[in-house]
Amino acid sequence: MENKTPKEIHDEAVAESKKAVNEFLTAWRKENPDHQEKYGGMHEPLCCGFAWVKVRPATTPFARFLKKEGIVRYPSHNGGYDVYDPSGWVGQSIDVKERGAEAYEKVLRKYGITAYAMSRMD
């Protein structure tokens, strides 16, 4: 495993998050070509929700980087920092947002950072 700065790790994780979201949506839209007409222009899975990645503890170099760069604003009420919607995807589907969070988490874990992809329905 190569040594990377927290910024390099974050940038890699965001890129993988965006890639995972794009791949999921491309496949989903191919499997559901008539969905947009049936549901009034929404061309994404219909279950709404949120997804984020919890990074623990808030005292690690990576967590401090998140705070310093304004990626997170304050610690989570149950510890660590929550990076909301790391892919930055503009939509409401929990299915899509979970794919992005899971990809972000996977990259962080590759570098030994304790992270958990989490989500909840709206």
C-alpha atoms as a PDB file:
ATOM      1  CA  MET A   1       0.000   0.000   0.000  1.00  0.00           C
ATOM      2  CA  GLU A   2       1.424   3.344  -1.017  1.00  0.00           C
ATOM      3  CA  ASN A   3       1.615   6.341   1.298  1.00  0.00           C
ATOM      4  CA  LYS A   4      -0.913   8.986   0.347  1.00  0.00           C
ATOM      5  CA  THR A   5      -1.869  12.271   1.917  1.00  0.00           C
ATOM      6  CA  PRO A   6      -5.360  12.620   3.360  1.00  0.00           C
ATOM      7  CA  LYS A   7      -6.279  14.845   0.397  1.00  0.00           C
ATOM      8  CA  GLU A   8      -5.121  12.214  -2.084  1.00  0.00           C
ATOM      9  CA  ILE A   9      -7.109   9.546  -0.247  1.00  0.00           C
ATOM     10  CA  HIS A  10     -10.214  11.741  -0.153  1.00  0.00           C
ATOM     11  CA  ASP A  11      -9.886  12.621  -3.844  1.00  0.00           C
ATOM     12  CA  GLU A  12      -9.518   8.942  -4.763  1.00  0.00           C
ATOM     13  CA  ALA A  13     -12.521   8.032  -2.598  1.00  0.00           C
ATOM     14  CA  VAL A  14     -14.691  10.759  -4.154  1.00  0.00           C
ATOM     15  CA  ALA A  15     -13.669   9.654  -7.663  1.00  0.00           C
ATOM     16  CA  GLU A  16     -14.573   6.031  -6.860  1.00  0.00           C
ATOM     17  CA  SER A  17     -17.842   7.204  -5.310  1.00  0.00           C
ATOM     18  CA  LYS A  18     -18.795   9.125  -8.459  1.00  0.00           C
ATOM     19  CA  LYS A  19     -17.778   6.182 -10.638  1.00  0.00           C
ATOM     20  CA  ALA A  20     -19.911   3.755  -8.603  1.00  0.00           C
ATOM     21  CA  VAL A  21     -22.938   6.058  -8.824  1.00  0.00           C
ATOM     22  CA  ASN A  22     -22.511   6.489 -12.578  1.00  0.00           C
ATOM     23  CA  GLU A  23     -22.140   2.742 -13.166  1.00  0.00           C
ATOM     24  CA  PHE A  24     -25.177   1.946 -11.019  1.00  0.00           C
ATOM     25  CA  LEU A  25     -27.390   4.550 -12.707  1.00  0.00           C
ATOM     26  CA  THR A  26     -26.284   3.541 -16.192  1.00  0.00           C
ATOM     27  CA  ALA A  27     -27.146  -0.111 -15.513  1.00  0.00           C
ATOM     28  CA  TRP A  28     -30.403   0.744 -13.727  1.00  0.00           C
ATOM     29  CA  ARG A  29     -31.599   3.028 -16.519  1.00  0.00           C
ATOM     30  CA  LYS A  30     -30.793   0.373 -19.101  1.00  0.00           C
ATOM     31  CA  GLU A  31     -32.878  -2.156 -17.139  1.00  0.00           C
ATOM     32  CA  ASN A  32     -35.750   0.351 -16.642  1.00  0.00           C
ATOM     33  CA  PRO A  33     -36.074   2.286 -19.915  1.00  0.00           C
ATOM     34  CA  ASP A  34     -39.776   3.171 -19.479  1.00  0.00           C
ATOM     35  CA  HIS A  35     -39.467   4.315 -15.850  1.00  0.00           C
ATOM     36  CA  GLN A  36     -39.099   7.988 -16.765  1.00  0.00           C
ATOM     37  CA  GLU A  37     -42.419   8.090 -18.668  1.00  0.00           C
ATOM     38  CA  LYS A  38     -44.314   6.148 -15.987  1.00  0.00           C
ATOM     39  CA  TYR A  39     -43.169   8.271 -13.050  1.00  0.00           C
ATOM     40  CA  GLY A  40     -43.137  11.822 -14.321  1.00  0.00           C
ATOM     41  CA  GLY A  41     -39.589  12.441 -15.412  1.00  0.00           C
ATOM     42  CA  MET A  42     -37.717  10.812 -12.532  1.00  0.00           C
ATOM     43  CA  HIS A  43     -35.197   8.414 -14.024  1.00  0.00           C
ATOM     44  CA  GLU A  44     -33.833   6.913 -10.818  1.00  0.00           C
ATOM     45  CA  PRO A  45     -35.026   4.332  -8.290  1.00  0.00           C
ATOM     46  CA  LEU A  46     -37.935   5.841  -6.365  1.00  0.00           C
ATOM     47  CA  CYS A  47     -37.059   5.110  -2.730  1.00  0.00           C
ATOM     48  CA  CYS A  48     -35.846   8.384  -1.196  1.00  0.00           C
ATOM     49  CA  GLY A  49     -33.174   8.610   1.444  1.00  0.00           C
ATOM     50  CA  PHE A  50     -29.737   9.669   2.560  1.00  0.00           C
ATOM     51  CA  ALA A  51     -26.313   8.040   2.711  1.00  0.00           C
ATOM     52  CA  TRP A  52     -23.078   9.018   4.365  1.00  0.00           C
ATOM     53  CA  VAL A  53     -19.788   7.603   5.592  1.00  0.00           C
ATOM     54  CA  LYS A  54     -18.887   7.747   9.264  1.00  0.00           C
ATOM     55  CA  VAL A  55     -15.149   8.234   9.881  1.00  0.00           C
ATOM     56  CA  ARG A  56     -13.903   7.330  13.368  1.00  0.00           C
ATOM     57  CA  PRO A  57     -12.327   8.569  15.511  1.00  0.00           C
ATOM     58  CA  ALA A  58     -12.436  12.314  14.856  1.00  0.00           C
ATOM     59  CA  THR A  59      -8.816  12.649  16.026  1.00  0.00           C
ATOM     60  CA  THR A  60      -7.083  10.821  13.151  1.00  0.00           C
ATOM     61  CA  PRO A  61      -5.079  12.744  10.539  1.00  0.00           C
ATOM     62  CA  PHE A  62      -7.720  11.923   7.913  1.00  0.00           C
ATOM     63  CA  ALA A  63     -10.574  13.131  10.134  1.00  0.00           C
ATOM     64  CA  ARG A  64      -8.671  16.313  10.940  1.00  0.00           C
ATOM     65  CA  PHE A  65      -8.167  16.888   7.215  1.00  0.00           C
ATOM     66  CA  LEU A  66     -11.942  16.585   6.658  1.00  0.00           C
ATOM     67  CA  LYS A  67     -12.583  19.223   9.321  1.00  0.00           C
ATOM     68  CA  LYS A  68      -9.805  21.579   8.197  1.00  0.00           C
ATOM     69  CA  GLU A  69     -10.966  21.488   4.570  1.00  0.00           C
ATOM     70  CA  GLY A  70     -14.606  22.083   5.482  1.00  0.00           C
ATOM     71  CA  ILE A  71     -15.750  18.710   4.174  1.00  0.00           C
ATOM     72  CA  VAL A  72     -17.336  18.158   7.580  1.00  0.00           C
ATOM     73  CA  ARG A  73     -18.377  20.900   9.991  1.00  0.00           C
ATOM     74  CA  TYR A  74     -18.725  19.274  13.397  1.00  0.00           C
ATOM     75  CA  PRO A  75     -18.457  15.855  15.041  1.00  0.00           C
ATOM     76  CA  SER A  76     -21.392  13.498  14.832  1.00  0.00           C
ATOM     77  CA  HIS A  77     -23.509  13.168  17.965  1.00  0.00           C
ATOM     78  CA  ASN A  78     -22.323   9.559  18.289  1.00  0.00           C
ATOM     79  CA  GLY A  79     -18.662  10.177  17.548  1.00  0.00           C
ATOM     80  CA  GLY A  80     -16.483  10.645  14.522  1.00  0.00           C
ATOM     81  CA  TYR A  81     -17.355  12.698  11.458  1.00  0.00           C
ATOM     82  CA  ASP A  82     -20.085  12.017   8.906  1.00  0.00           C
ATOM     83  CA  VAL A  83     -19.258  12.667   5.246  1.00  0.00           C
ATOM     84  CA  TYR A  84     -22.668  13.114   3.639  1.00  0.00           C
ATOM     85  CA  ASP A  85     -23.270  12.030   0.040  1.00  0.00           C
ATOM     86  CA  PRO A  86     -19.589  11.685  -0.889  1.00  0.00           C
ATOM     87  CA  SER A  87     -20.405  11.344  -4.609  1.00  0.00           C
ATOM     88  CA  GLY A  88     -22.164  14.709  -4.651  1.00  0.00           C
ATOM     89  CA  TRP A  89     -24.927  13.158  -6.754  1.00  0.00           C
ATOM     90  CA  VAL A  90     -27.951  15.430  -7.084  1.00  0.00           C
ATOM     91  CA  GLY A  91     -30.968  13.192  -6.655  1.00  0.00           C
ATOM     92  CA  GLN A  92     -33.047  11.569  -3.958  1.00  0.00           C
ATOM     93  CA  SER A  93     -32.677   7.822  -4.481  1.00  0.00           C
ATOM     94  CA  ILE A  94     -31.238   6.020  -1.471  1.00  0.00           C
ATOM     95  CA  ASP A  95     -30.128   3.189  -3.769  1.00  0.00           C
ATOM     96  CA  VAL A  96     -27.872   5.546  -5.698  1.00  0.00           C
ATOM     97  CA  LYS A  97     -26.538   7.370  -2.643  1.00  0.00           C
ATOM     98  CA  GLU A  98     -25.705   4.070  -0.913  1.00  0.00           C
ATOM     99  CA  ARG A  99     -23.546   2.984  -3.870  1.00  0.00           C
ATOM    100  CA  GLY A 100     -21.537   6.182  -3.572  1.00  0.00           C
ATOM    101  CA  ALA A 101     -21.100   5.862   0.187  1.00  0.00           C
ATOM    102  CA  GLU A 102     -20.048   2.217  -0.089  1.00  0.00           C
ATOM    103  CA  ALA A 103     -17.406   3.061  -2.700  1.00  0.00           C
ATOM    104  CA  TYR A 104     -16.040   5.919  -0.564  1.00  0.00           C
ATOM    105  CA  GLU A 105     -15.872   3.633   2.471  1.00  0.00           C
ATOM    106  CA  LYS A 106     -14.043   0.933   0.503  1.00  0.00           C
ATOM    107  CA  VAL A 107     -11.253   3.329  -0.483  1.00  0.00           C
ATOM    108  CA  LEU A 108     -10.836   4.613   3.076  1.00  0.00           C
ATOM    109  CA  ARG A 109     -10.630   1.069   4.452  1.00  0.00           C
ATOM    110  CA  LYS A 110      -7.992   0.235   1.837  1.00  0.00           C
ATOM    111  CA  TYR A 111      -5.783   2.837   3.554  1.00  0.00           C
ATOM    112  CA  GLY A 112      -6.543   1.598   7.065  1.00  0.00           C
ATOM    113  CA  ILE A 113      -9.072   4.316   7.923  1.00  0.00           C
ATOM    114  CA  THR A 114     -11.994   3.194  10.065  1.00  0.00           C
ATOM    115  CA  ALA A 115     -15.119   4.049   8.084  1.00  0.00           C
ATOM    116  CA  TYR A 116     -18.704   2.824   7.841  1.00  0.00           C
ATOM    117  CA  ALA A 117     -21.167   3.446   5.014  1.00  0.00           C
ATOM    118  CA  MET A 118     -24.532   4.310   6.531  1.00  0.00           C
ATOM    119  CA  SER A 119     -27.968   5.296   5.243  1.00  0.00           C
ATOM    120  CA  ARG A 120     -31.559   5.936   6.169  1.00  0.00           C
ATOM    121  CA  MET A 121     -34.813   6.294   4.284  1.00  0.00           C
ATOM    122  CA  ASP A 122     -36.516   9.649   4.110  1.00  0.00           C
END
